[in-house]
Amino acid sequence: MIIYLIRHGETDWNIDLRVQGKRDIPLNISGIKQAEILVSYFEESNIDAIYSSNLVRAYETAKIIGQKIKKDVFIIPDLQEINMGTWEGNFWNDIKIEYNDFIHHWENNLENIPIPEGESYGQVQKRVVNAFTNIASKHKDNEQIIIVSHGISIKLLVAHLINLSVQNIHKFSIDNASISIIESNGNYKLKSLNNTFHLKRFGNFYTKKF
């Protein structure tokens, strides 16, 4: 089985470094273009199914792909981004100032300490891994599927699949409209991480690193 993990296209809040979390922020013009470019990657692939987070930025990305390759999109709420609690809607630079003492404590135990009124990375990893496992169980070894999700959610899933500590997930990026590929043949293997070559082929489309 081949599983393509896609981060949603760009939003205005990505550009502004504003915390989205579970806020339902739509794609901007560049994000829509990124999703349209993603189609070119899959036009000659035999995709069997597309799954998406229920948040609009992910679903819009998945729907654009699905419409072009004539596949319905199945919504899986547990694929959504981390609940960023009281941080949502605020700018990262402001959060770093207001929550300076808490952030130092939080960053040393990401797996277990939840964001104020939000989730911990461990809680997110558990629900995303469960969603991924349920999705994979529905498909045969010779099938190919697409999963559209979010930066932190994809990082935490990849970390689980390659046995990487939650504390180390900020050592790699998952950019907007990037593709990471998981191969399953009894065991999961990471074949490609954060591929954005498809975007560069069609011009200098901004991708936000996270």
N, C-alpha and C. Protein backbone atom coordinates (compact mmCIF):
# COMPACT_ATOMS: atom_id res chain seq x y z
N MET A 1 0.84 -1.19 0.00
CA MET A 1 0.00 0.00 0.00
C MET A 1 0.88 1.25 0.00
N ILE A 2 0.48 2.22 -0.80
CA ILE A 2 1.16 3.52 -0.82
C ILE A 2 0.21 4.55 -0.22
N ILE A 3 0.69 5.29 0.77
CA ILE A 3 -0.11 6.31 1.45
C ILE A 3 0.57 7.66 1.27
N TYR A 4 -0.13 8.58 0.65
CA TYR A 4 0.39 9.93 0.44
C TYR A 4 -0.17 10.85 1.53
N LEU A 5 0.71 11.40 2.35
CA LEU A 5 0.31 12.34 3.39
C LEU A 5 0.53 13.76 2.87
N ILE A 6 -0.55 14.52 2.78
CA ILE A 6 -0.47 15.86 2.21
C ILE A 6 -0.87 16.89 3.27
N ARG A 7 -0.04 17.89 3.42
CA ARG A 7 -0.46 19.02 4.24
C ARG A 7 -1.29 19.97 3.38
N HIS A 8 -2.32 20.55 3.93
CA HIS A 8 -3.20 21.46 3.20
C HIS A 8 -2.41 22.61 2.58
N GLY A 9 -3.04 23.26 1.60
CA GLY A 9 -2.44 24.43 0.98
C GLY A 9 -2.40 25.62 1.93
N GLU A 10 -1.77 26.66 1.45
CA GLU A 10 -1.50 27.84 2.27
C GLU A 10 -2.76 28.63 2.62
N THR A 11 -2.75 29.23 3.81
CA THR A 11 -3.80 30.16 4.25
C THR A 11 -3.15 31.50 4.59
N ASP A 12 -3.98 32.51 4.73
CA ASP A 12 -3.45 33.83 5.13
C ASP A 12 -2.82 33.76 6.51
N TRP A 13 -3.37 32.93 7.37
CA TRP A 13 -2.81 32.82 8.72
C TRP A 13 -1.44 32.14 8.70
N ASN A 14 -1.20 31.25 7.75
CA ASN A 14 0.15 30.71 7.60
C ASN A 14 1.15 31.81 7.29
N ILE A 15 0.75 32.70 6.37
CA ILE A 15 1.61 33.81 5.98
C ILE A 15 1.91 34.72 7.16
N ASP A 16 0.90 34.97 7.98
CA ASP A 16 1.01 35.92 9.09
C ASP A 16 1.63 35.31 10.35
N LEU A 17 1.94 34.02 10.31
CA LEU A 17 2.42 33.30 11.51
C LEU A 17 1.42 33.43 12.65
N ARG A 18 0.17 33.21 12.29
CA ARG A 18 -0.92 33.28 13.24
C ARG A 18 -1.40 31.87 13.55
N VAL A 19 -1.65 31.56 14.79
CA VAL A 19 -1.98 30.20 15.21
C VAL A 19 -3.38 29.81 14.75
N GLN A 20 -3.47 28.73 13.98
CA GLN A 20 -4.76 28.27 13.47
C GLN A 20 -5.37 27.19 14.34
N GLY A 21 -4.63 26.12 14.57
CA GLY A 21 -5.18 25.01 15.34
C GLY A 21 -6.47 24.52 14.73
N LYS A 22 -7.55 24.51 15.51
CA LYS A 22 -8.85 24.02 15.04
C LYS A 22 -9.71 25.13 14.43
N ARG A 23 -9.17 26.34 14.37
CA ARG A 23 -9.91 27.42 13.70
C ARG A 23 -10.08 27.06 12.23
N ASP A 24 -11.26 27.34 11.68
CA ASP A 24 -11.57 26.91 10.32
C ASP A 24 -11.21 28.01 9.32
N ILE A 25 -9.96 28.06 8.95
CA ILE A 25 -9.44 29.10 8.07
C ILE A 25 -9.33 28.56 6.64
N PRO A 26 -9.90 29.24 5.65
CA PRO A 26 -9.87 28.73 4.28
C PRO A 26 -8.52 28.93 3.60
N LEU A 27 -8.34 28.24 2.49
CA LEU A 27 -7.17 28.47 1.66
C LEU A 27 -7.18 29.88 1.10
N ASN A 28 -5.99 30.46 0.91
CA ASN A 28 -5.91 31.72 0.18
C ASN A 28 -5.68 31.41 -1.31
N ILE A 29 -5.46 32.44 -2.10
CA ILE A 29 -5.30 32.24 -3.55
C ILE A 29 -4.13 31.32 -3.85
N SER A 30 -3.01 31.52 -3.15
CA SER A 30 -1.84 30.65 -3.37
C SER A 30 -2.14 29.22 -2.93
N GLY A 31 -2.89 29.07 -1.84
CA GLY A 31 -3.23 27.73 -1.36
C GLY A 31 -4.08 26.96 -2.35
N ILE A 32 -5.02 27.67 -3.00
CA ILE A 32 -5.85 27.04 -4.03
C ILE A 32 -4.98 26.61 -5.21
N LYS A 33 -4.06 27.48 -5.60
CA LYS A 33 -3.14 27.14 -6.70
C LYS A 33 -2.27 25.95 -6.34
N GLN A 34 -1.79 25.92 -5.11
CA GLN A 34 -0.99 24.78 -4.67
C GLN A 34 -1.78 23.47 -4.78
N ALA A 35 -3.04 23.52 -4.38
CA ALA A 35 -3.88 22.32 -4.47
C ALA A 35 -4.08 21.91 -5.92
N GLU A 36 -4.25 22.88 -6.80
CA GLU A 36 -4.40 22.57 -8.22
C GLU A 36 -3.12 21.95 -8.79
N ILE A 37 -1.98 22.42 -8.31
CA ILE A 37 -0.71 21.85 -8.76
C ILE A 37 -0.53 20.42 -8.25
N LEU A 38 -1.03 20.17 -7.05
CA LEU A 38 -0.96 18.81 -6.50
C LEU A 38 -1.61 17.80 -7.43
N VAL A 39 -2.65 18.24 -8.13
CA VAL A 39 -3.36 17.34 -9.05
C VAL A 39 -2.40 16.75 -10.08
N SER A 40 -1.45 17.56 -10.56
CA SER A 40 -0.52 17.08 -11.58
C SER A 40 0.31 15.91 -11.09
N TYR A 41 0.54 15.85 -9.78
CA TYR A 41 1.32 14.76 -9.20
C TYR A 41 0.55 13.45 -9.26
N PHE A 42 -0.77 13.54 -9.19
CA PHE A 42 -1.58 12.32 -9.06
C PHE A 42 -2.36 11.94 -10.32
N GLU A 43 -2.25 12.74 -11.37
CA GLU A 43 -3.05 12.50 -12.56
C GLU A 43 -2.81 11.11 -13.17
N GLU A 44 -1.59 10.61 -13.06
CA GLU A 44 -1.28 9.31 -13.66
C GLU A 44 -1.16 8.21 -12.61
N SER A 45 -1.57 8.52 -11.38
CA SER A 45 -1.57 7.51 -10.31
C SER A 45 -2.96 6.92 -10.16
N ASN A 46 -3.02 5.68 -9.81
CA ASN A 46 -4.31 5.03 -9.60
C ASN A 46 -4.70 5.14 -8.12
N ILE A 47 -5.22 6.30 -7.77
CA ILE A 47 -5.61 6.55 -6.38
C ILE A 47 -6.94 5.86 -6.10
N ASP A 48 -6.98 5.11 -5.02
CA ASP A 48 -8.20 4.37 -4.67
C ASP A 48 -9.13 5.14 -3.75
N ALA A 49 -8.59 6.03 -2.93
CA ALA A 49 -9.45 6.77 -2.00
C ALA A 49 -8.72 8.01 -1.49
N ILE A 50 -9.50 9.02 -1.11
CA ILE A 50 -8.97 10.25 -0.53
C ILE A 50 -9.66 10.48 0.81
N TYR A 51 -8.85 10.75 1.83
CA TYR A 51 -9.37 11.06 3.17
C TYR A 51 -8.87 12.43 3.58
N SER A 52 -9.68 13.12 4.38
CA SER A 52 -9.30 14.48 4.79
C SER A 52 -9.78 14.79 6.19
N SER A 53 -9.03 15.66 6.84
CA SER A 53 -9.51 16.34 8.04
C SER A 53 -10.80 17.08 7.69
N ASN A 54 -11.60 17.34 8.70
CA ASN A 54 -12.84 18.08 8.47
C ASN A 54 -12.64 19.59 8.42
N LEU A 55 -11.47 20.09 8.74
CA LEU A 55 -11.22 21.54 8.70
C LEU A 55 -11.14 21.99 7.24
N VAL A 56 -11.70 23.16 6.95
CA VAL A 56 -11.94 23.57 5.58
C VAL A 56 -10.65 23.66 4.75
N ARG A 57 -9.54 24.09 5.34
CA ARG A 57 -8.31 24.23 4.58
C ARG A 57 -7.81 22.89 4.06
N ALA A 58 -8.03 21.83 4.83
CA ALA A 58 -7.65 20.49 4.39
C ALA A 58 -8.68 19.94 3.40
N TYR A 59 -9.96 20.11 3.74
CA TYR A 59 -11.01 19.57 2.88
C TYR A 59 -11.00 20.24 1.50
N GLU A 60 -10.77 21.56 1.45
CA GLU A 60 -10.68 22.25 0.16
C GLU A 60 -9.55 21.68 -0.68
N THR A 61 -8.40 21.44 -0.04
CA THR A 61 -7.25 20.86 -0.74
C THR A 61 -7.60 19.48 -1.29
N ALA A 62 -8.20 18.66 -0.45
CA ALA A 62 -8.57 17.30 -0.86
C ALA A 62 -9.62 17.33 -1.96
N LYS A 63 -10.59 18.23 -1.85
CA LYS A 63 -11.68 18.28 -2.81
C LYS A 63 -11.19 18.69 -4.19
N ILE A 64 -10.24 19.62 -4.25
CA ILE A 64 -9.67 20.04 -5.54
C ILE A 64 -9.00 18.85 -6.22
N ILE A 65 -8.25 18.08 -5.44
CA ILE A 65 -7.61 16.88 -5.99
C ILE A 65 -8.67 15.87 -6.42
N GLY A 66 -9.64 15.64 -5.55
CA GLY A 66 -10.67 14.64 -5.82
C GLY A 66 -11.49 14.94 -7.05
N GLN A 67 -11.82 16.21 -7.25
CA GLN A 67 -12.61 16.59 -8.42
C GLN A 67 -11.88 16.30 -9.71
N LYS A 68 -10.56 16.50 -9.71
CA LYS A 68 -9.77 16.30 -10.92
C LYS A 68 -9.54 14.82 -11.22
N ILE A 69 -9.37 14.01 -10.18
CA ILE A 69 -9.12 12.58 -10.43
C ILE A 69 -10.37 11.73 -10.21
N LYS A 70 -11.49 12.44 -10.02
CA LYS A 70 -12.81 11.80 -9.92
C LYS A 70 -12.90 10.80 -8.76
N LYS A 71 -12.53 11.30 -7.59
CA LYS A 71 -12.65 10.51 -6.36
C LYS A 71 -13.35 11.34 -5.29
N ASP A 72 -14.27 10.71 -4.58
CA ASP A 72 -14.91 11.38 -3.45
C ASP A 72 -13.91 11.53 -2.30
N VAL A 73 -14.19 12.49 -1.43
CA VAL A 73 -13.35 12.72 -0.25
C VAL A 73 -14.11 12.26 0.99
N PHE A 74 -13.48 11.39 1.77
CA PHE A 74 -14.07 10.92 3.02
C PHE A 74 -13.51 11.76 4.17
N ILE A 75 -14.39 12.37 4.93
CA ILE A 75 -13.98 13.25 6.02
C ILE A 75 -13.76 12.44 7.30
N ILE A 76 -12.58 12.64 7.90
CA ILE A 76 -12.21 11.97 9.15
C ILE A 76 -11.84 13.05 10.17
N PRO A 77 -12.74 13.41 11.09
CA PRO A 77 -12.47 14.51 12.03
C PRO A 77 -11.19 14.33 12.84
N ASP A 78 -10.81 13.11 13.16
CA ASP A 78 -9.62 12.90 13.99
C ASP A 78 -8.32 13.22 13.27
N LEU A 79 -8.37 13.54 11.98
CA LEU A 79 -7.18 13.97 11.24
C LEU A 79 -6.94 15.47 11.39
N GLN A 80 -7.82 16.17 12.11
CA GLN A 80 -7.68 17.62 12.21
C GLN A 80 -6.45 18.02 13.02
N GLU A 81 -6.13 19.29 12.95
CA GLU A 81 -4.94 19.83 13.60
C GLU A 81 -5.10 19.83 15.11
N ILE A 82 -3.98 20.00 15.80
CA ILE A 82 -3.98 20.11 17.26
C ILE A 82 -4.88 21.26 17.71
N ASN A 83 -5.59 21.05 18.78
CA ASN A 83 -6.36 22.12 19.42
C ASN A 83 -5.37 23.01 20.16
N MET A 84 -5.20 24.23 19.66
CA MET A 84 -4.24 25.16 20.25
C MET A 84 -4.84 26.05 21.34
N GLY A 85 -6.06 25.71 21.76
CA GLY A 85 -6.65 26.37 22.92
C GLY A 85 -6.65 27.88 22.85
N THR A 86 -6.18 28.51 23.92
CA THR A 86 -6.22 29.97 24.03
C THR A 86 -5.25 30.66 23.06
N TRP A 87 -4.37 29.90 22.45
CA TRP A 87 -3.42 30.49 21.51
C TRP A 87 -4.03 30.76 20.14
N GLU A 88 -5.11 30.09 19.81
CA GLU A 88 -5.67 30.20 18.48
C GLU A 88 -6.11 31.64 18.18
N GLY A 89 -5.75 32.09 16.99
CA GLY A 89 -6.06 33.44 16.57
C GLY A 89 -5.00 34.46 16.91
N ASN A 90 -4.02 34.06 17.72
CA ASN A 90 -2.94 34.96 18.13
C ASN A 90 -1.69 34.75 17.28
N PHE A 91 -0.81 35.72 17.30
CA PHE A 91 0.43 35.64 16.55
C PHE A 91 1.50 34.96 17.40
N TRP A 92 2.33 34.14 16.74
CA TRP A 92 3.35 33.39 17.48
C TRP A 92 4.25 34.31 18.30
N ASN A 93 4.65 35.43 17.72
CA ASN A 93 5.56 36.33 18.44
C ASN A 93 4.92 36.86 19.72
N ASP A 94 3.62 37.13 19.69
CA ASP A 94 2.92 37.60 20.89
C ASP A 94 2.80 36.49 21.92
N ILE A 95 2.53 35.28 21.45
CA ILE A 95 2.42 34.14 22.36
C ILE A 95 3.73 33.89 23.10
N LYS A 96 4.83 34.00 22.39
CA LYS A 96 6.14 33.76 23.00
C LYS A 96 6.43 34.75 24.13
N ILE A 97 5.87 35.94 24.01
CA ILE A 97 6.05 36.94 25.07
C ILE A 97 5.10 36.69 26.23
N GLU A 98 3.82 36.54 25.93
CA GLU A 98 2.79 36.41 26.97
C GLU A 98 2.94 35.11 27.76
N TYR A 99 3.34 34.03 27.06
CA TYR A 99 3.42 32.71 27.70
C TYR A 99 4.87 32.25 27.85
N ASN A 100 5.77 33.18 28.01
CA ASN A 100 7.19 32.86 28.02
C ASN A 100 7.55 31.76 29.03
N ASP A 101 7.12 31.90 30.26
CA ASP A 101 7.46 30.92 31.30
C ASP A 101 6.82 29.56 31.00
N PHE A 102 5.57 29.58 30.57
CA PHE A 102 4.87 28.33 30.27
C PHE A 102 5.52 27.62 29.09
N ILE A 103 5.88 28.36 28.05
CA ILE A 103 6.44 27.75 26.84
C ILE A 103 7.72 26.98 27.16
N HIS A 104 8.55 27.52 28.03
CA HIS A 104 9.79 26.82 28.40
C HIS A 104 9.46 25.48 29.05
N HIS A 105 8.49 25.46 29.92
CA HIS A 105 8.04 24.24 30.59
C HIS A 105 7.41 23.28 29.59
N TRP A 106 6.55 23.81 28.72
CA TRP A 106 5.82 23.02 27.72
C TRP A 106 6.77 22.36 26.73
N GLU A 107 7.73 23.12 26.25
CA GLU A 107 8.65 22.59 25.23
C GLU A 107 9.50 21.43 25.75
N ASN A 108 9.65 21.33 27.06
CA ASN A 108 10.43 20.23 27.63
C ASN A 108 9.60 18.97 27.86
N ASN A 109 8.29 19.06 27.63
CA ASN A 109 7.42 17.89 27.81
C ASN A 109 6.21 18.00 26.88
N LEU A 110 6.48 18.08 25.58
CA LEU A 110 5.43 18.28 24.59
C LEU A 110 4.41 17.16 24.59
N GLU A 111 4.86 15.97 24.89
CA GLU A 111 3.97 14.81 24.80
C GLU A 111 2.85 14.88 25.83
N ASN A 112 3.16 15.41 27.01
CA ASN A 112 2.21 15.30 28.13
C ASN A 112 1.56 16.60 28.58
N ILE A 113 2.15 17.73 28.27
CA ILE A 113 1.61 19.01 28.74
C ILE A 113 0.73 19.63 27.66
N PRO A 114 -0.56 19.79 27.92
CA PRO A 114 -1.44 20.41 26.92
C PRO A 114 -1.24 21.91 26.85
N ILE A 115 -1.49 22.45 25.68
CA ILE A 115 -1.57 23.90 25.51
C ILE A 115 -2.76 24.38 26.33
N PRO A 116 -2.70 25.57 26.95
CA PRO A 116 -3.83 26.04 27.76
C PRO A 116 -5.17 25.91 27.02
N GLU A 117 -6.08 25.15 27.61
CA GLU A 117 -7.40 24.87 27.06
C GLU A 117 -7.34 24.14 25.72
N GLY A 118 -6.22 23.49 25.46
CA GLY A 118 -6.06 22.75 24.22
C GLY A 118 -5.56 21.33 24.47
N GLU A 119 -4.82 20.80 23.49
CA GLU A 119 -4.33 19.42 23.56
C GLU A 119 -2.82 19.37 23.77
N SER A 120 -2.36 18.24 24.27
CA SER A 120 -0.93 17.94 24.27
C SER A 120 -0.58 17.24 22.96
N TYR A 121 0.69 17.20 22.62
CA TYR A 121 1.11 16.49 21.41
C TYR A 121 0.81 15.00 21.53
N GLY A 122 0.90 14.47 22.73
CA GLY A 122 0.60 13.06 22.93
C GLY A 122 -0.86 12.74 22.63
N GLN A 123 -1.76 13.62 23.04
CA GLN A 123 -3.18 13.42 22.76
C GLN A 123 -3.46 13.47 21.26
N VAL A 124 -2.83 14.40 20.58
CA VAL A 124 -3.01 14.51 19.13
C VAL A 124 -2.47 13.28 18.43
N GLN A 125 -1.28 12.85 18.85
CA GLN A 125 -0.68 11.68 18.21
C GLN A 125 -1.57 10.45 18.35
N LYS A 126 -2.15 10.27 19.50
CA LYS A 126 -3.01 9.10 19.72
C LYS A 126 -4.20 9.10 18.77
N ARG A 127 -4.89 10.23 18.63
CA ARG A 127 -6.08 10.24 17.77
C ARG A 127 -5.71 10.16 16.29
N VAL A 128 -4.62 10.79 15.89
CA VAL A 128 -4.22 10.75 14.49
C VAL A 128 -3.74 9.35 14.10
N VAL A 129 -2.98 8.72 14.98
CA VAL A 129 -2.52 7.35 14.71
C VAL A 129 -3.71 6.40 14.63
N ASN A 130 -4.67 6.55 15.52
CA ASN A 130 -5.87 5.71 15.48
C ASN A 130 -6.63 5.90 14.16
N ALA A 131 -6.76 7.15 13.74
CA ALA A 131 -7.45 7.43 12.48
C ALA A 131 -6.70 6.80 11.31
N PHE A 132 -5.39 6.96 11.30
CA PHE A 132 -4.55 6.40 10.23
C PHE A 132 -4.67 4.88 10.19
N THR A 133 -4.61 4.25 11.35
CA THR A 133 -4.71 2.79 11.43
C THR A 133 -6.05 2.30 10.90
N ASN A 134 -7.11 2.99 11.26
CA ASN A 134 -8.44 2.62 10.78
C ASN A 134 -8.56 2.78 9.27
N ILE A 135 -8.00 3.85 8.75
CA ILE A 135 -8.02 4.07 7.30
C ILE A 135 -7.25 2.97 6.58
N ALA A 136 -6.03 2.71 7.03
CA ALA A 136 -5.18 1.71 6.38
C ALA A 136 -5.82 0.32 6.39
N SER A 137 -6.55 0.03 7.45
CA SER A 137 -7.16 -1.31 7.58
C SER A 137 -8.24 -1.56 6.52
N LYS A 138 -8.72 -0.51 5.89
CA LYS A 138 -9.77 -0.64 4.88
C LYS A 138 -9.23 -0.94 3.49
N HIS A 139 -7.90 -0.95 3.34
CA HIS A 139 -7.31 -1.04 2.01
C HIS A 139 -6.34 -2.21 1.88
N LYS A 140 -6.21 -2.67 0.64
CA LYS A 140 -5.34 -3.80 0.32
C LYS A 140 -3.91 -3.32 0.06
N ASP A 141 -3.00 -4.27 0.06
CA ASP A 141 -1.58 -3.94 -0.11
C ASP A 141 -1.27 -3.28 -1.45
N ASN A 142 -2.07 -3.53 -2.46
CA ASN A 142 -1.78 -2.98 -3.79
C ASN A 142 -2.51 -1.66 -4.06
N GLU A 143 -3.12 -1.08 -3.05
CA GLU A 143 -3.87 0.16 -3.24
C GLU A 143 -3.05 1.39 -2.88
N GLN A 144 -3.52 2.55 -3.39
CA GLN A 144 -2.89 3.83 -3.11
C GLN A 144 -3.95 4.79 -2.57
N ILE A 145 -3.63 5.46 -1.48
CA ILE A 145 -4.59 6.38 -0.88
C ILE A 145 -3.92 7.71 -0.55
N ILE A 146 -4.74 8.75 -0.47
CA ILE A 146 -4.30 10.09 -0.10
C ILE A 146 -4.94 10.47 1.23
N ILE A 147 -4.15 11.03 2.13
CA ILE A 147 -4.65 11.58 3.38
C ILE A 147 -4.21 13.04 3.47
N VAL A 148 -5.18 13.94 3.58
CA VAL A 148 -4.88 15.38 3.68
C VAL A 148 -5.10 15.82 5.13
N SER A 149 -4.06 16.36 5.71
CA SER A 149 -4.14 16.74 7.12
C SER A 149 -3.36 18.03 7.35
N HIS A 150 -2.70 18.14 8.50
CA HIS A 150 -2.11 19.41 8.96
C HIS A 150 -0.67 19.19 9.43
N GLY A 151 0.05 20.30 9.59
CA GLY A 151 1.47 20.23 9.90
C GLY A 151 1.83 19.40 11.12
N ILE A 152 1.29 19.75 12.28
CA ILE A 152 1.64 19.04 13.49
C ILE A 152 1.07 17.62 13.47
N SER A 153 -0.13 17.46 12.97
CA SER A 153 -0.74 16.13 12.92
C SER A 153 0.09 15.18 12.07
N ILE A 154 0.54 15.64 10.91
CA ILE A 154 1.36 14.79 10.05
C ILE A 154 2.70 14.50 10.71
N LYS A 155 3.30 15.51 11.33
CA LYS A 155 4.58 15.28 12.01
C LYS A 155 4.46 14.20 13.09
N LEU A 156 3.39 14.28 13.86
CA LEU A 156 3.21 13.32 14.95
C LEU A 156 2.93 11.92 14.42
N LEU A 157 2.21 11.82 13.31
CA LEU A 157 1.98 10.52 12.69
C LEU A 157 3.29 9.93 12.17
N VAL A 158 4.04 10.72 11.44
CA VAL A 158 5.33 10.25 10.92
C VAL A 158 6.25 9.83 12.06
N ALA A 159 6.29 10.63 13.12
CA ALA A 159 7.14 10.30 14.27
C ALA A 159 6.77 8.93 14.83
N HIS A 160 5.49 8.66 14.94
CA HIS A 160 5.04 7.35 15.43
C HIS A 160 5.49 6.23 14.49
N LEU A 161 5.33 6.44 13.19
CA LEU A 161 5.62 5.38 12.22
C LEU A 161 7.10 5.05 12.14
N ILE A 162 7.97 6.03 12.41
CA ILE A 162 9.41 5.78 12.34
C ILE A 162 10.05 5.71 13.73
N ASN A 163 9.19 5.66 14.75
CA ASN A 163 9.68 5.50 16.12
C ASN A 163 10.56 6.66 16.57
N LEU A 164 10.12 7.88 16.26
CA LEU A 164 10.84 9.08 16.64
C LEU A 164 10.14 9.73 17.83
N SER A 165 10.91 10.23 18.78
CA SER A 165 10.33 10.87 19.95
C SER A 165 9.54 12.12 19.57
N VAL A 166 8.44 12.33 20.27
CA VAL A 166 7.64 13.54 20.07
C VAL A 166 8.50 14.78 20.26
N GLN A 167 9.45 14.73 21.17
CA GLN A 167 10.30 15.89 21.44
C GLN A 167 11.13 16.31 20.23
N ASN A 168 11.27 15.41 19.25
CA ASN A 168 12.15 15.70 18.12
C ASN A 168 11.40 16.07 16.83
N ILE A 169 10.08 16.25 16.91
CA ILE A 169 9.36 16.47 15.66
C ILE A 169 9.64 17.83 15.03
N HIS A 170 10.19 18.77 15.79
CA HIS A 170 10.50 20.07 15.21
C HIS A 170 11.84 20.06 14.46
N LYS A 171 12.44 18.88 14.36
CA LYS A 171 13.71 18.76 13.62
C LYS A 171 13.48 18.51 12.13
N PHE A 172 12.21 18.40 11.71
CA PHE A 172 11.91 18.32 10.28
C PHE A 172 10.68 19.16 9.99
N SER A 173 10.56 19.58 8.72
CA SER A 173 9.46 20.46 8.31
C SER A 173 8.40 19.70 7.53
N ILE A 174 7.18 20.18 7.63
CA ILE A 174 6.09 19.74 6.77
C ILE A 174 5.48 21.01 6.18
N ASP A 175 5.79 21.29 4.93
CA ASP A 175 5.38 22.54 4.30
C ASP A 175 3.96 22.45 3.73
N ASN A 176 3.37 23.60 3.49
CA ASN A 176 2.07 23.63 2.82
C ASN A 176 2.13 22.90 1.48
N ALA A 177 1.14 22.06 1.24
CA ALA A 177 1.00 21.30 -0.02
C ALA A 177 2.15 20.34 -0.27
N SER A 178 2.85 19.97 0.77
CA SER A 178 3.92 18.98 0.63
C SER A 178 3.34 17.57 0.62
N ILE A 179 4.12 16.65 0.05
CA ILE A 179 3.73 15.24 -0.01
C ILE A 179 4.78 14.41 0.72
N SER A 180 4.33 13.61 1.66
CA SER A 180 5.20 12.62 2.31
C SER A 180 4.60 11.25 1.99
N ILE A 181 5.45 10.28 1.71
CA ILE A 181 4.97 8.99 1.23
C ILE A 181 5.32 7.88 2.22
N ILE A 182 4.31 7.12 2.59
CA ILE A 182 4.46 5.96 3.45
C ILE A 182 4.16 4.70 2.63
N GLU A 183 5.03 3.73 2.72
CA GLU A 183 4.81 2.44 2.06
C GLU A 183 4.53 1.38 3.11
N SER A 184 3.49 0.60 2.89
CA SER A 184 3.15 -0.47 3.82
C SER A 184 3.14 -1.81 3.10
N ASN A 185 3.97 -2.69 3.62
CA ASN A 185 4.01 -4.05 3.10
C ASN A 185 4.18 -4.99 4.30
N GLY A 186 3.23 -4.86 5.22
CA GLY A 186 3.37 -5.55 6.50
C GLY A 186 3.90 -4.61 7.56
N ASN A 187 4.90 -3.81 7.20
CA ASN A 187 5.46 -2.78 8.07
C ASN A 187 5.41 -1.44 7.35
N TYR A 188 5.38 -0.36 8.11
CA TYR A 188 5.36 0.96 7.51
C TYR A 188 6.78 1.47 7.30
N LYS A 189 7.00 2.05 6.11
CA LYS A 189 8.32 2.60 5.79
C LYS A 189 8.12 3.99 5.19
N LEU A 190 8.91 4.97 5.69
CA LEU A 190 8.86 6.33 5.16
C LEU A 190 9.71 6.39 3.90
N LYS A 191 9.05 6.61 2.75
CA LYS A 191 9.75 6.63 1.47
C LYS A 191 10.15 8.04 1.05
N SER A 192 9.39 9.04 1.48
CA SER A 192 9.66 10.42 1.09
C SER A 192 9.06 11.34 2.14
N LEU A 193 9.77 12.43 2.45
CA LEU A 193 9.32 13.35 3.48
C LEU A 193 9.31 14.78 2.95
N ASN A 194 8.17 15.46 3.08
CA ASN A 194 8.08 16.89 2.79
C ASN A 194 8.52 17.23 1.36
N ASN A 195 8.05 16.46 0.41
CA ASN A 195 8.38 16.71 -0.99
C ASN A 195 7.57 17.89 -1.53
N THR A 196 8.26 18.91 -2.03
CA THR A 196 7.58 20.07 -2.64
C THR A 196 8.07 20.32 -4.06
N PHE A 197 8.72 19.34 -4.67
CA PHE A 197 9.26 19.53 -6.02
C PHE A 197 8.15 19.85 -7.03
N HIS A 198 6.96 19.28 -6.81
CA HIS A 198 5.84 19.53 -7.73
C HIS A 198 5.48 21.02 -7.75
N LEU A 199 5.63 21.70 -6.62
CA LEU A 199 5.34 23.14 -6.57
C LEU A 199 6.38 23.94 -7.32
N LYS A 200 7.63 23.56 -7.17
CA LYS A 200 8.73 24.30 -7.80
C LYS A 200 8.70 24.16 -9.32
N ARG A 201 8.17 23.07 -9.82
CA ARG A 201 8.09 22.87 -11.27
C ARG A 201 7.20 23.90 -11.94
N PHE A 202 6.24 24.43 -11.19
CA PHE A 202 5.26 25.33 -11.78
C PHE A 202 5.45 26.77 -11.32
N GLY A 203 6.58 27.08 -10.73
CA GLY A 203 6.84 28.44 -10.30
C GLY A 203 7.21 28.51 -8.84
N ASN A 204 7.52 29.72 -8.40
CA ASN A 204 7.98 29.91 -7.03
C ASN A 204 6.80 30.14 -6.11
N PHE A 205 6.06 29.06 -5.80
CA PHE A 205 4.91 29.18 -4.92
C PHE A 205 5.35 29.07 -3.48
N TYR A 206 5.04 30.08 -2.72
CA TYR A 206 5.43 30.17 -1.33
C TYR A 206 4.90 28.97 -0.54
N THR A 207 5.77 28.33 0.22
CA THR A 207 5.32 27.28 1.12
C THR A 207 5.79 27.60 2.53
N LYS A 208 4.90 27.50 3.47
CA LYS A 208 5.21 27.84 4.84
C LYS A 208 5.78 26.66 5.59
N LYS A 209 6.98 26.80 6.12
CA LYS A 209 7.60 25.72 6.89
C LYS A 209 7.03 25.72 8.29
N PHE A 210 6.84 24.49 8.85
CA PHE A 210 6.39 24.38 10.22
C PHE A 210 6.93 23.10 10.82
